[in-house]
Amino acid sequence: MTNYPVPPGEPVGAQPELPACARHSDRPTGLRCTRCDRPACPECLREASVGYQCVDCVREGQRTVRRVRTIAGAELSTKLVVTPALVGLNVLVFVATAVQAQGIGTNYTSQLFHSWSLFPPSVANGEWWRLFTAGFLHFGPAHLALNMLALWLLGRELEPVLGRLRYVGVYVMALLGGSAAAYTFGTICGETAGASGAVFGLMGGLLAVLLRLKLSLTPALTTIGINVLISVLVPGISLLGHLGGLVVGGLLTAGMVYPPAKQRNAWQLSAVVAILVLLAIVVVTRNSALIDQNIIVVPTGDGDTACLVRR
């Protein structure tokens, strides 16, 4: 065995005749990138289908590779982000109302609940935010659990297809569609809350996706039918809110998955704007009608309120 002297300043084992790494001039190396043939140290190499490529070639290759997209134009991904975030937000709001009411079964008596719920006279008096915030309130733990289970099951199917931004758009617009229907056609003095309008919107969205992919509609139609039947038979459930969310979610999702690829973004944005304008017209019309009726809200003495129409 022969020992070779190491020049001053050189690392042990370095061989001066070797070329330096293209990205690290102080690192001699006998390795090269199989794509560009430049010298590269082990830190700068990545395993490829054939040999090893430097990080610069890998990055360039990723830019030129055509990424797989869904029928809605979203990059294909199975990682859920929006759905668990929505579930967490609903649970967080429920906890806040339960803490205020000092009980999970009576959370709907909290001040936050009364400030955020869909109460038509308050909306008519300018509290427009209730049309949105009501979708994050729930009457007790059972109501919350059922809606969150449905949201999770539907969300894990739709979020990967629509992509995060489009999925949020469908959810929010369906929520507003359910609120607008309950506000426009529901009782004047009823207090409405729940994510059911948005969840029904996801049901309508799933139906639109299945239609677009020409898959069996039986599972989606069965689920929708059962839930609509429950909405009709069980007292206290807002059938109008459910149907409003179902229609808006289905129509908007159809507007997401049917446009041609070249004009997809323009059509999708137009669909969102069109539905938003339509909902605004419906709500403003209803708002004017309630103002004309001159409704006043009075306490009943038992902690509740009643609505009177002043003629």
Protein backbone atom coordinates (compact mmCIF):
# COMPACT_ATOMS: atom_id res chain seq x y z
CA MET A 1 0.00 0.00 0.00
CA THR A 2 1.34 3.40 -0.98
CA ASN A 3 0.49 6.62 0.85
CA TYR A 4 0.23 9.74 -1.33
CA PRO A 5 0.95 13.13 0.25
CA VAL A 6 -2.02 15.45 0.61
CA PRO A 7 -1.39 19.07 -0.54
CA PRO A 8 -1.90 21.76 2.14
CA GLY A 9 -5.54 22.83 2.44
CA GLU A 10 -6.86 19.76 0.58
CA PRO A 11 -9.26 17.34 2.37
CA VAL A 12 -7.95 13.87 3.13
CA GLY A 13 -8.58 11.57 0.19
CA ALA A 14 -8.98 14.39 -2.34
CA GLN A 15 -7.44 13.88 -5.72
CA PRO A 16 -6.25 17.13 -7.33
CA GLU A 17 -6.62 15.78 -10.86
CA LEU A 18 -10.40 15.36 -10.45
CA PRO A 19 -12.66 18.16 -11.74
CA ALA A 20 -14.58 20.30 -9.26
CA CYS A 21 -18.34 20.03 -8.78
CA ALA A 22 -20.17 22.48 -11.06
CA ARG A 23 -22.06 23.92 -8.07
CA HIS A 24 -19.35 23.60 -5.42
CA SER A 25 -15.92 24.63 -6.75
CA ASP A 26 -14.15 23.41 -3.60
CA ARG A 27 -15.32 19.81 -4.02
CA PRO A 28 -13.37 17.58 -6.44
CA THR A 29 -15.51 14.73 -7.77
CA GLY A 30 -15.34 11.83 -10.15
CA LEU A 31 -19.14 11.78 -10.61
CA ARG A 32 -21.07 13.35 -13.46
CA CYS A 33 -24.69 14.12 -14.30
CA THR A 34 -26.01 11.62 -16.87
CA ARG A 35 -28.03 14.38 -18.53
CA CYS A 36 -25.68 17.38 -18.87
CA ASP A 37 -22.39 15.50 -18.18
CA ARG A 38 -21.20 18.21 -15.75
CA PRO A 39 -19.15 17.14 -12.70
CA ALA A 40 -21.30 16.90 -9.59
CA CYS A 41 -20.64 15.94 -5.99
CA PRO A 42 -22.90 13.37 -4.29
CA GLU A 43 -24.90 16.14 -2.57
CA CYS A 44 -25.84 17.62 -5.95
CA LEU A 45 -26.99 14.36 -7.56
CA ARG A 46 -30.43 12.80 -7.55
CA GLU A 47 -31.36 9.31 -8.64
CA ALA A 48 -33.11 9.26 -12.02
CA SER A 49 -34.65 6.57 -14.21
CA VAL A 50 -31.22 6.15 -15.82
CA GLY A 51 -28.24 6.94 -13.63
CA TYR A 52 -28.05 10.15 -11.57
CA GLN A 53 -28.86 13.73 -12.55
CA CYS A 54 -27.73 16.99 -10.98
CA VAL A 55 -30.26 19.09 -9.12
CA ASP A 56 -30.30 21.71 -11.90
CA CYS A 57 -31.29 19.12 -14.53
CA VAL A 58 -33.90 17.62 -12.19
CA ARG A 59 -35.43 21.07 -11.63
CA GLU A 60 -35.43 21.80 -15.36
CA GLY A 61 -37.05 18.45 -16.06
CA GLN A 62 -39.84 19.12 -13.57
CA ARG A 63 -40.65 22.38 -15.35
CA THR A 64 -40.94 20.71 -18.72
CA VAL A 65 -42.93 17.65 -17.61
CA ARG A 66 -46.61 18.03 -18.37
CA ARG A 67 -48.53 17.63 -15.12
CA VAL A 68 -51.67 15.53 -14.96
CA ARG A 69 -54.81 17.61 -14.48
CA THR A 70 -58.36 16.68 -13.56
CA ILE A 71 -61.52 17.46 -15.54
CA ALA A 72 -61.76 20.73 -13.59
CA GLY A 73 -58.21 21.77 -14.48
CA ALA A 74 -56.70 21.09 -11.05
CA GLU A 75 -53.33 19.41 -10.61
CA LEU A 76 -53.91 15.82 -9.58
CA SER A 77 -53.35 15.43 -5.83
CA THR A 78 -54.79 13.17 -3.15
CA LYS A 79 -53.72 15.34 -0.22
CA LEU A 80 -56.72 16.91 1.51
CA VAL A 81 -56.23 20.41 2.90
CA VAL A 82 -59.50 22.34 2.61
CA THR A 83 -61.84 19.61 3.88
CA PRO A 84 -60.07 19.04 7.24
CA ALA A 85 -59.70 22.82 7.60
CA LEU A 86 -63.46 23.29 7.14
CA VAL A 87 -64.22 20.52 9.61
CA GLY A 88 -61.84 22.10 12.11
CA LEU A 89 -63.38 25.53 11.66
CA ASN A 90 -66.91 24.22 12.24
CA VAL A 91 -65.80 22.35 15.35
CA LEU A 92 -63.96 25.43 16.64
CA VAL A 93 -67.07 27.62 16.25
CA PHE A 94 -69.18 24.96 17.99
CA VAL A 95 -66.75 24.85 20.92
CA ALA A 96 -66.89 28.64 21.18
CA THR A 97 -70.70 28.64 21.34
CA ALA A 98 -70.71 25.76 23.84
CA VAL A 99 -68.25 27.57 26.11
CA GLN A 100 -70.36 30.72 26.01
CA ALA A 101 -73.54 28.77 26.75
CA GLN A 102 -71.75 26.60 29.35
CA GLY A 103 -73.08 23.41 27.80
CA ILE A 104 -72.70 21.51 24.53
CA GLY A 105 -76.39 20.66 24.39
CA THR A 106 -77.47 24.28 24.78
CA ASN A 107 -74.82 25.96 22.63
CA TYR A 108 -77.55 27.59 20.54
CA THR A 109 -78.38 29.86 23.49
CA SER A 110 -75.00 31.59 23.34
CA GLN A 111 -74.57 35.21 22.29
CA LEU A 112 -72.26 34.23 19.43
CA PHE A 113 -74.90 31.87 18.07
CA HIS A 114 -77.60 34.56 18.15
CA SER A 115 -75.21 37.06 16.54
CA TRP A 116 -74.27 34.74 13.67
CA SER A 117 -77.44 32.76 12.95
CA LEU A 118 -79.66 33.44 9.95
CA PHE A 119 -82.40 35.62 11.47
CA PRO A 120 -84.32 37.37 8.64
CA PRO A 121 -85.24 40.60 10.47
CA SER A 122 -81.59 41.12 11.43
CA VAL A 123 -80.42 40.45 7.87
CA ALA A 124 -83.01 42.91 6.57
CA ASN A 125 -81.65 45.50 9.01
CA GLY A 126 -78.17 45.26 7.50
CA GLU A 127 -76.52 42.27 9.18
CA TRP A 128 -75.64 40.63 5.87
CA TRP A 129 -72.84 38.53 7.34
CA ARG A 130 -75.40 36.18 8.87
CA LEU A 131 -75.99 34.64 5.42
CA PHE A 132 -72.40 33.35 5.62
CA THR A 133 -71.72 32.84 9.32
CA ALA A 134 -74.89 30.80 9.85
CA GLY A 135 -73.24 28.03 7.84
CA PHE A 136 -70.71 27.45 10.63
CA LEU A 137 -73.19 27.12 13.50
CA HIS A 138 -74.91 23.94 14.69
CA PHE A 139 -77.74 23.08 17.05
CA GLY A 140 -76.02 20.66 19.42
CA PRO A 141 -73.36 17.96 18.97
CA ALA A 142 -75.51 15.53 16.94
CA HIS A 143 -76.22 18.19 14.31
CA LEU A 144 -72.50 18.99 14.13
CA ALA A 145 -71.40 15.33 13.95
CA LEU A 146 -73.78 14.43 11.11
CA ASN A 147 -72.79 17.42 9.01
CA MET A 148 -69.07 16.96 9.58
CA LEU A 149 -69.24 13.26 8.70
CA ALA A 150 -71.03 14.10 5.45
CA LEU A 151 -68.58 16.92 4.75
CA TRP A 152 -65.61 14.60 5.21
CA LEU A 153 -67.03 11.82 3.02
CA LEU A 154 -68.02 14.18 0.21
CA GLY A 155 -64.96 16.39 0.51
CA ARG A 156 -62.48 13.57 0.08
CA GLU A 157 -64.15 12.79 -3.26
CA LEU A 158 -64.58 16.32 -4.57
CA GLU A 159 -61.53 18.24 -3.33
CA PRO A 160 -59.03 16.19 -5.41
CA VAL A 161 -61.18 16.60 -8.53
CA LEU A 162 -61.91 20.32 -8.22
CA GLY A 163 -58.68 21.43 -6.60
CA ARG A 164 -58.53 23.56 -3.46
CA LEU A 165 -59.55 26.94 -4.83
CA ARG A 166 -62.46 25.65 -6.94
CA TYR A 167 -63.58 23.43 -4.08
CA VAL A 168 -63.68 26.39 -1.70
CA GLY A 169 -65.69 28.30 -4.32
CA VAL A 170 -68.29 25.54 -4.61
CA TYR A 171 -68.54 25.16 -0.82
CA VAL A 172 -68.96 28.86 -0.11
CA MET A 173 -71.40 29.48 -2.96
CA ALA A 174 -73.49 26.45 -1.95
CA LEU A 175 -73.51 27.74 1.63
CA LEU A 176 -74.74 31.13 0.41
CA GLY A 177 -77.26 29.44 -1.90
CA GLY A 178 -78.75 27.53 1.02
CA SER A 179 -78.87 30.67 3.16
CA ALA A 180 -80.45 32.70 0.34
CA ALA A 181 -83.16 30.07 -0.16
CA ALA A 182 -83.95 29.88 3.55
CA TYR A 183 -83.95 33.68 3.82
CA THR A 184 -86.13 34.23 0.77
CA PHE A 185 -88.70 31.46 1.15
CA GLY A 186 -88.49 30.54 4.84
CA THR A 187 -90.32 31.83 7.87
CA ILE A 188 -89.75 35.45 8.83
CA CYS A 189 -88.93 34.89 12.49
CA GLY A 190 -87.14 31.54 12.30
CA GLU A 191 -83.51 31.16 13.32
CA THR A 192 -81.60 29.00 10.82
CA ALA A 193 -78.07 27.59 11.15
CA GLY A 194 -75.93 24.70 9.97
CA ALA A 195 -73.52 23.58 7.27
CA SER A 196 -76.24 21.48 5.62
CA GLY A 197 -76.69 23.87 2.70
CA ALA A 198 -72.99 23.61 1.85
CA VAL A 199 -73.02 19.82 2.37
CA PHE A 200 -75.99 19.44 0.03
CA GLY A 201 -74.07 21.60 -2.42
CA LEU A 202 -71.26 19.05 -2.34
CA MET A 203 -73.83 16.33 -3.04
CA GLY A 204 -74.96 18.26 -6.09
CA GLY A 205 -71.32 18.75 -7.05
CA LEU A 206 -70.61 15.03 -6.82
CA LEU A 207 -73.62 14.36 -9.05
CA ALA A 208 -72.27 16.82 -11.65
CA VAL A 209 -68.84 15.14 -11.59
CA LEU A 210 -70.35 11.68 -12.04
CA LEU A 211 -72.40 12.96 -14.97
CA ARG A 212 -69.31 14.48 -16.55
CA LEU A 213 -67.32 11.25 -16.15
CA LYS A 214 -70.31 9.17 -17.30
CA LEU A 215 -70.22 7.04 -14.18
CA SER A 216 -73.12 5.46 -12.32
CA LEU A 217 -75.40 8.05 -10.72
CA THR A 218 -77.12 5.55 -8.42
CA PRO A 219 -74.98 6.14 -5.29
CA ALA A 220 -75.25 9.95 -5.51
CA LEU A 221 -78.97 9.95 -6.35
CA THR A 222 -79.68 7.50 -3.50
CA THR A 223 -77.78 9.65 -1.01
CA ILE A 224 -79.51 12.82 -2.17
CA GLY A 225 -82.94 11.15 -2.11
CA ILE A 226 -82.50 9.82 1.42
CA ASN A 227 -81.33 13.18 2.74
CA VAL A 228 -84.14 15.09 1.04
CA LEU A 229 -86.66 12.62 2.50
CA ILE A 230 -85.18 13.14 5.97
CA SER A 231 -85.42 16.90 5.44
CA VAL A 232 -89.13 16.54 4.66
CA LEU A 233 -90.02 14.13 7.47
CA VAL A 234 -87.97 15.45 10.39
CA PRO A 235 -89.38 18.63 11.98
CA GLY A 236 -87.11 21.64 12.33
CA ILE A 237 -84.88 20.86 9.33
CA SER A 238 -84.58 23.58 6.70
CA LEU A 239 -85.60 21.82 3.48
CA LEU A 240 -85.35 25.13 1.62
CA GLY A 241 -81.76 25.62 2.73
CA HIS A 242 -80.86 22.09 1.67
CA LEU A 243 -82.45 22.44 -1.77
CA GLY A 244 -80.88 25.86 -2.31
CA GLY A 245 -77.42 24.50 -1.55
CA LEU A 246 -78.04 21.42 -3.70
CA VAL A 247 -79.01 23.44 -6.76
CA VAL A 248 -76.23 26.01 -6.45
CA GLY A 249 -73.55 23.40 -5.74
CA GLY A 250 -74.65 21.23 -8.65
CA LEU A 251 -74.84 24.10 -11.14
CA LEU A 252 -71.51 25.64 -10.11
CA THR A 253 -69.68 22.32 -10.20
CA ALA A 254 -71.11 21.68 -13.66
CA GLY A 255 -69.69 25.06 -14.63
CA MET A 256 -66.32 23.86 -13.33
CA VAL A 257 -66.08 20.47 -15.08
CA TYR A 258 -67.86 20.95 -18.43
CA PRO A 259 -66.06 23.92 -20.09
CA PRO A 260 -63.41 23.15 -22.73
CA ALA A 261 -59.82 23.12 -21.47
CA LYS A 262 -58.67 26.16 -23.49
CA GLN A 263 -61.40 28.41 -22.07
CA ARG A 264 -61.82 26.65 -18.74
CA ASN A 265 -60.65 29.41 -16.38
CA ALA A 266 -62.81 32.10 -18.02
CA TRP A 267 -65.90 29.91 -17.95
CA GLN A 268 -65.33 28.88 -14.34
CA LEU A 269 -64.90 32.47 -13.18
CA SER A 270 -67.99 33.49 -15.14
CA ALA A 271 -70.01 30.73 -13.47
CA VAL A 272 -69.00 31.92 -9.99
CA VAL A 273 -69.78 35.56 -10.80
CA ALA A 274 -73.12 34.71 -12.43
CA ILE A 275 -74.34 32.69 -9.44
CA LEU A 276 -73.09 35.32 -6.99
CA VAL A 277 -74.97 38.05 -8.86
CA LEU A 278 -78.12 35.92 -8.98
CA LEU A 279 -77.98 35.25 -5.24
CA ALA A 280 -77.39 38.94 -4.55
CA ILE A 281 -80.48 39.87 -6.59
CA VAL A 282 -82.60 37.28 -4.76
CA VAL A 283 -81.42 38.46 -1.32
CA VAL A 284 -81.83 42.17 -2.11
CA THR A 285 -85.34 41.55 -3.42
CA ARG A 286 -86.28 39.67 -0.28
CA ASN A 287 -84.63 42.33 1.83
CA SER A 288 -86.78 45.04 0.25
CA ALA A 289 -89.92 42.99 0.82
CA LEU A 290 -89.14 42.53 4.52
CA ILE A 291 -88.41 46.22 4.97
CA ASP A 292 -91.71 47.10 3.31
CA GLN A 293 -93.52 44.82 5.78
CA ASN A 294 -92.09 46.89 8.63
CA ILE A 295 -91.26 43.94 10.88
CA ILE A 296 -90.44 44.58 14.52
CA VAL A 297 -88.86 42.10 16.90
CA VAL A 298 -90.12 42.00 20.48
CA PRO A 299 -89.08 39.86 23.48
CA THR A 300 -91.60 37.25 24.66
CA GLY A 301 -90.51 37.20 28.30
CA ASP A 302 -89.03 33.69 28.20
CA GLY A 303 -85.72 34.70 26.67
CA ASP A 304 -87.03 34.26 23.14
CA THR A 305 -88.29 36.77 20.58
CA ALA A 306 -91.31 37.14 18.34
CA CYS A 307 -91.81 38.99 15.07
CA LEU A 308 -94.67 41.36 14.50
CA VAL A 309 -95.66 42.87 11.18
CA ARG A 310 -96.71 46.48 11.62
CA ARG A 311 -99.48 47.29 9.16
